[in-house]
Amino acid sequence: MNTIFDKEKEYEEQILPLINALKVACNELAMPMFVSVCSSNSEKNTTYHSDMIPSVSNNIHLKKDIIPDFVNITNGFTTVWRQSTFEFDIEEMHKDIMRAEEENQKM
């Protein structure tokens, strides 16, 4: 069962000014940020308000920039666990196979 609430008025009056102040401070300090607030929920819908200052807007290059991932999620994309890729050298693999076949023939 969903928790039903409507805090749109509270969001507009109390939370939005805080988010705007946060954005000003982060922008002045050149700090990327992302925020998302759920302001209402019903049996049919959930309302989120999201805002950000992306790293690119301040020409900041992050080692691990996850803000685009947050944006993707708010736009309806789902997350998938990142898996390491399996890398191999086909020529080395072929050489190993040939060596193994030669050894088998000697037996």
N, C-alpha and C. Protein backbone atom coordinates (compact mmCIF):
# COMPACT_ATOMS: atom_id res chain seq x y z
N MET A 1 0.84 -1.18 0.00
CA MET A 1 0.00 0.00 0.00
C MET A 1 0.89 1.25 0.00
N ASN A 2 0.57 2.19 -0.86
CA ASN A 2 1.32 3.44 -0.97
C ASN A 2 1.00 4.40 0.16
N THR A 3 1.99 5.14 0.56
CA THR A 3 1.77 6.25 1.48
C THR A 3 1.31 7.44 0.64
N ILE A 4 0.13 7.93 0.91
CA ILE A 4 -0.45 9.03 0.14
C ILE A 4 -0.11 10.35 0.82
N PHE A 5 0.46 11.27 0.04
CA PHE A 5 0.72 12.61 0.58
C PHE A 5 0.83 13.62 -0.56
N ASP A 6 0.58 14.85 -0.24
CA ASP A 6 0.71 15.95 -1.20
C ASP A 6 1.38 17.12 -0.48
N LYS A 7 2.65 17.31 -0.76
CA LYS A 7 3.44 18.38 -0.14
C LYS A 7 3.91 19.39 -1.18
N GLU A 8 3.14 19.55 -2.26
CA GLU A 8 3.51 20.50 -3.31
C GLU A 8 3.65 21.92 -2.77
N LYS A 9 2.71 22.34 -1.97
CA LYS A 9 2.75 23.69 -1.41
C LYS A 9 3.99 23.86 -0.52
N GLU A 10 4.27 22.87 0.32
CA GLU A 10 5.44 22.92 1.19
C GLU A 10 6.73 22.92 0.37
N TYR A 11 6.72 22.14 -0.71
CA TYR A 11 7.89 22.13 -1.58
C TYR A 11 8.14 23.52 -2.14
N GLU A 12 7.10 24.12 -2.70
CA GLU A 12 7.23 25.45 -3.31
C GLU A 12 7.65 26.51 -2.30
N GLU A 13 7.08 26.46 -1.11
CA GLU A 13 7.31 27.51 -0.13
C GLU A 13 8.58 27.31 0.70
N GLN A 14 8.92 26.06 1.03
CA GLN A 14 10.02 25.82 1.95
C GLN A 14 11.25 25.17 1.31
N ILE A 15 11.03 24.19 0.47
CA ILE A 15 12.14 23.41 -0.07
C ILE A 15 12.78 24.07 -1.28
N LEU A 16 11.98 24.56 -2.21
CA LEU A 16 12.52 25.18 -3.42
C LEU A 16 13.46 26.34 -3.12
N PRO A 17 13.14 27.24 -2.17
CA PRO A 17 14.12 28.29 -1.85
C PRO A 17 15.46 27.73 -1.34
N LEU A 18 15.41 26.63 -0.59
CA LEU A 18 16.65 26.01 -0.12
C LEU A 18 17.45 25.42 -1.28
N ILE A 19 16.76 24.79 -2.20
CA ILE A 19 17.44 24.22 -3.37
C ILE A 19 18.06 25.34 -4.20
N ASN A 20 17.34 26.43 -4.38
CA ASN A 20 17.89 27.56 -5.13
C ASN A 20 19.12 28.13 -4.45
N ALA A 21 19.09 28.23 -3.12
CA ALA A 21 20.26 28.71 -2.37
C ALA A 21 21.43 27.72 -2.51
N LEU A 22 21.12 26.43 -2.46
CA LEU A 22 22.15 25.40 -2.65
C LEU A 22 22.78 25.52 -4.03
N LYS A 23 21.95 25.72 -5.04
CA LYS A 23 22.46 25.87 -6.40
C LYS A 23 23.37 27.09 -6.54
N VAL A 24 22.98 28.20 -5.92
CA VAL A 24 23.80 29.41 -5.98
C VAL A 24 25.16 29.14 -5.33
N ALA A 25 25.13 28.54 -4.13
CA ALA A 25 26.37 28.26 -3.40
C ALA A 25 27.26 27.30 -4.19
N CYS A 26 26.68 26.22 -4.71
CA CYS A 26 27.46 25.24 -5.46
C CYS A 26 28.01 25.85 -6.75
N ASN A 27 27.24 26.69 -7.38
CA ASN A 27 27.70 27.33 -8.61
C ASN A 27 28.87 28.28 -8.31
N GLU A 28 28.76 29.06 -7.24
CA GLU A 28 29.83 29.97 -6.86
C GLU A 28 31.11 29.22 -6.50
N LEU A 29 30.96 28.05 -5.89
CA LEU A 29 32.11 27.24 -5.48
C LEU A 29 32.56 26.24 -6.55
N ALA A 30 31.88 26.27 -7.70
CA ALA A 30 32.17 25.35 -8.80
C ALA A 30 32.11 23.90 -8.33
N MET A 31 31.00 23.57 -7.66
CA MET A 31 30.77 22.22 -7.16
C MET A 31 29.56 21.61 -7.87
N PRO A 32 29.78 20.56 -8.66
CA PRO A 32 28.63 19.90 -9.29
C PRO A 32 27.69 19.35 -8.22
N MET A 33 26.39 19.34 -8.53
CA MET A 33 25.42 18.81 -7.57
C MET A 33 24.20 18.29 -8.28
N PHE A 34 23.49 17.42 -7.58
CA PHE A 34 22.21 16.88 -8.05
C PHE A 34 21.32 16.73 -6.83
N VAL A 35 20.05 17.10 -6.98
CA VAL A 35 19.09 16.94 -5.90
C VAL A 35 17.75 16.49 -6.50
N SER A 36 17.07 15.63 -5.77
CA SER A 36 15.74 15.18 -6.19
C SER A 36 14.87 15.06 -4.95
N VAL A 37 13.68 15.65 -5.02
CA VAL A 37 12.76 15.66 -3.89
C VAL A 37 11.40 15.13 -4.34
N CYS A 38 10.86 14.23 -3.56
CA CYS A 38 9.52 13.72 -3.83
C CYS A 38 8.52 14.59 -3.09
N SER A 39 7.65 15.27 -3.83
CA SER A 39 6.72 16.20 -3.21
C SER A 39 5.30 15.67 -3.06
N SER A 40 4.98 14.61 -3.81
CA SER A 40 3.64 14.03 -3.64
C SER A 40 3.62 12.59 -4.12
N ASN A 41 2.68 11.86 -3.56
CA ASN A 41 2.50 10.46 -3.93
C ASN A 41 1.04 10.10 -3.78
N SER A 42 0.52 9.39 -4.78
CA SER A 42 -0.87 8.95 -4.74
C SER A 42 -0.92 7.51 -5.25
N GLU A 43 -2.10 6.98 -5.36
CA GLU A 43 -2.25 5.62 -5.90
C GLU A 43 -1.87 5.59 -7.38
N LYS A 44 -1.94 6.74 -8.06
CA LYS A 44 -1.71 6.78 -9.50
C LYS A 44 -0.37 7.39 -9.92
N ASN A 45 0.23 8.22 -9.07
CA ASN A 45 1.41 8.96 -9.53
C ASN A 45 2.31 9.37 -8.35
N THR A 46 3.59 9.54 -8.66
CA THR A 46 4.56 10.09 -7.72
C THR A 46 5.24 11.26 -8.42
N THR A 47 5.34 12.39 -7.72
CA THR A 47 5.94 13.59 -8.31
C THR A 47 7.29 13.87 -7.68
N TYR A 48 8.29 14.00 -8.54
CA TYR A 48 9.65 14.35 -8.12
C TYR A 48 10.03 15.68 -8.76
N HIS A 49 10.80 16.47 -8.03
CA HIS A 49 11.40 17.69 -8.56
C HIS A 49 12.91 17.48 -8.46
N SER A 50 13.59 17.56 -9.60
CA SER A 50 15.03 17.33 -9.63
C SER A 50 15.72 18.52 -10.25
N ASP A 51 16.92 18.79 -9.78
CA ASP A 51 17.71 19.88 -10.32
C ASP A 51 19.19 19.54 -10.17
N MET A 52 20.02 20.23 -10.93
CA MET A 52 21.44 19.90 -10.87
C MET A 52 22.29 21.05 -11.37
N ILE A 53 23.54 20.97 -11.04
CA ILE A 53 24.60 21.74 -11.68
C ILE A 53 25.60 20.69 -12.15
N PRO A 54 25.59 20.39 -13.45
CA PRO A 54 26.49 19.35 -13.94
C PRO A 54 27.93 19.83 -13.98
N SER A 55 28.83 18.90 -13.98
CA SER A 55 30.26 19.24 -14.00
C SER A 55 30.63 20.01 -15.26
N VAL A 56 30.02 19.67 -16.38
CA VAL A 56 30.40 20.32 -17.64
C VAL A 56 30.08 21.80 -17.65
N SER A 57 29.09 22.23 -16.85
CA SER A 57 28.73 23.65 -16.86
C SER A 57 29.82 24.52 -16.24
N ASN A 58 30.69 23.94 -15.44
CA ASN A 58 31.81 24.67 -14.85
C ASN A 58 33.15 24.16 -15.37
N ASN A 59 33.10 23.42 -16.49
CA ASN A 59 34.31 22.86 -17.09
C ASN A 59 35.11 22.03 -16.08
N ILE A 60 34.39 21.21 -15.32
CA ILE A 60 35.00 20.34 -14.32
C ILE A 60 35.02 18.92 -14.88
N HIS A 61 36.16 18.26 -14.76
CA HIS A 61 36.31 16.89 -15.23
C HIS A 61 36.49 15.99 -14.02
N LEU A 62 35.47 15.19 -13.75
CA LEU A 62 35.48 14.32 -12.57
C LEU A 62 36.01 12.93 -12.93
N LYS A 63 36.73 12.32 -12.01
CA LYS A 63 37.20 10.95 -12.19
C LYS A 63 36.00 10.01 -12.33
N LYS A 64 34.99 10.21 -11.47
CA LYS A 64 33.78 9.39 -11.50
C LYS A 64 32.58 10.32 -11.40
N ASP A 65 32.01 10.66 -12.53
CA ASP A 65 30.87 11.58 -12.57
C ASP A 65 29.58 10.76 -12.63
N ILE A 66 28.88 10.67 -11.50
CA ILE A 66 27.65 9.88 -11.44
C ILE A 66 26.39 10.73 -11.63
N ILE A 67 26.55 12.03 -11.75
CA ILE A 67 25.38 12.89 -11.95
C ILE A 67 24.62 12.50 -13.22
N PRO A 68 25.28 12.22 -14.35
CA PRO A 68 24.51 11.78 -15.51
C PRO A 68 23.71 10.50 -15.25
N ASP A 69 24.23 9.63 -14.38
CA ASP A 69 23.48 8.41 -14.03
C ASP A 69 22.19 8.76 -13.29
N PHE A 70 22.27 9.73 -12.36
CA PHE A 70 21.07 10.18 -11.65
C PHE A 70 20.06 10.76 -12.63
N VAL A 71 20.55 11.56 -13.57
CA VAL A 71 19.66 12.18 -14.56
C VAL A 71 19.00 11.09 -15.41
N ASN A 72 19.77 10.10 -15.82
CA ASN A 72 19.19 9.01 -16.60
C ASN A 72 18.07 8.31 -15.85
N ILE A 73 18.29 8.07 -14.56
CA ILE A 73 17.26 7.41 -13.76
C ILE A 73 16.01 8.28 -13.67
N THR A 74 16.18 9.59 -13.45
CA THR A 74 15.00 10.46 -13.37
C THR A 74 14.28 10.55 -14.71
N ASN A 75 14.98 10.24 -15.81
CA ASN A 75 14.36 10.24 -17.13
C ASN A 75 13.81 8.88 -17.53
N GLY A 76 13.79 7.94 -16.57
CA GLY A 76 13.13 6.66 -16.82
C GLY A 76 14.03 5.50 -17.19
N PHE A 77 15.34 5.73 -17.26
CA PHE A 77 16.24 4.62 -17.55
C PHE A 77 16.43 3.77 -16.30
N THR A 78 16.73 2.50 -16.50
CA THR A 78 17.00 1.63 -15.37
C THR A 78 18.51 1.41 -15.25
N THR A 79 18.94 1.06 -14.06
CA THR A 79 20.36 0.84 -13.84
C THR A 79 20.72 -0.61 -14.11
N VAL A 80 21.92 -0.82 -14.58
CA VAL A 80 22.45 -2.15 -14.82
C VAL A 80 23.84 -2.20 -14.20
N TRP A 81 24.10 -3.24 -13.43
CA TRP A 81 25.39 -3.38 -12.78
C TRP A 81 26.48 -3.44 -13.83
N ARG A 82 27.50 -2.61 -13.64
CA ARG A 82 28.61 -2.60 -14.60
C ARG A 82 29.43 -3.86 -14.41
N GLN A 83 29.68 -4.52 -15.52
CA GLN A 83 30.46 -5.75 -15.50
C GLN A 83 31.77 -5.50 -16.20
N SER A 84 32.81 -6.11 -15.68
CA SER A 84 34.09 -5.97 -16.36
C SER A 84 34.05 -6.78 -17.65
N THR A 85 34.76 -6.29 -18.63
CA THR A 85 34.78 -6.98 -19.91
C THR A 85 35.90 -8.01 -19.93
N PHE A 86 35.66 -9.04 -20.65
CA PHE A 86 36.66 -10.10 -20.79
C PHE A 86 37.50 -9.75 -22.02
N GLU A 87 38.80 -9.59 -21.82
CA GLU A 87 39.68 -9.24 -22.92
C GLU A 87 40.65 -10.39 -23.18
N PHE A 88 40.93 -10.61 -24.44
CA PHE A 88 41.91 -11.63 -24.80
C PHE A 88 42.54 -11.25 -26.13
N ASP A 89 43.71 -11.78 -26.34
CA ASP A 89 44.45 -11.57 -27.58
C ASP A 89 44.27 -12.82 -28.43
N ILE A 90 43.58 -12.68 -29.55
CA ILE A 90 43.25 -13.84 -30.37
C ILE A 90 44.51 -14.52 -30.91
N GLU A 91 45.53 -13.73 -31.20
CA GLU A 91 46.78 -14.32 -31.71
C GLU A 91 47.47 -15.16 -30.63
N GLU A 92 47.51 -14.64 -29.39
CA GLU A 92 48.09 -15.41 -28.29
C GLU A 92 47.28 -16.67 -28.03
N MET A 93 45.99 -16.56 -28.13
CA MET A 93 45.13 -17.72 -27.91
C MET A 93 45.40 -18.78 -28.98
N HIS A 94 45.56 -18.34 -30.22
CA HIS A 94 45.85 -19.27 -31.31
C HIS A 94 47.20 -19.95 -31.08
N LYS A 95 48.21 -19.19 -30.65
CA LYS A 95 49.52 -19.76 -30.36
C LYS A 95 49.43 -20.80 -29.25
N ASP A 96 48.66 -20.51 -28.21
CA ASP A 96 48.49 -21.46 -27.10
C ASP A 96 47.84 -22.75 -27.58
N ILE A 97 46.85 -22.61 -28.46
CA ILE A 97 46.17 -23.80 -29.00
C ILE A 97 47.14 -24.63 -29.82
N MET A 98 47.93 -23.95 -30.66
CA MET A 98 48.89 -24.66 -31.50
C MET A 98 49.94 -25.39 -30.64
N ARG A 99 50.42 -24.73 -29.58
CA ARG A 99 51.40 -25.36 -28.67
C ARG A 99 50.79 -26.58 -27.99
N ALA A 100 49.54 -26.44 -27.57
CA ALA A 100 48.87 -27.56 -26.90
C ALA A 100 48.68 -28.73 -27.86
N GLU A 101 48.35 -28.46 -29.12
CA GLU A 101 48.19 -29.52 -30.11
C GLU A 101 49.53 -30.20 -30.38
N GLU A 102 50.60 -29.41 -30.45
CA GLU A 102 51.93 -29.99 -30.67
C GLU A 102 52.32 -30.89 -29.51
N GLU A 103 52.04 -30.46 -28.29
CA GLU A 103 52.37 -31.27 -27.12
C GLU A 103 51.55 -32.55 -27.10
N ASN A 104 50.28 -32.47 -27.52
CA ASN A 104 49.43 -33.67 -27.57
C ASN A 104 49.94 -34.66 -28.61
N GLN A 105 50.46 -34.13 -29.71
CA GLN A 105 50.97 -35.01 -30.75
C GLN A 105 52.24 -35.72 -30.31
N LYS A 106 53.04 -35.09 -29.43
CA LYS A 106 54.27 -35.70 -28.94
C LYS A 106 53.96 -36.83 -27.99
N MET A 107 52.81 -36.85 -27.39
CA MET A 107 52.47 -37.88 -26.39
C MET A 107 52.13 -39.16 -27.03
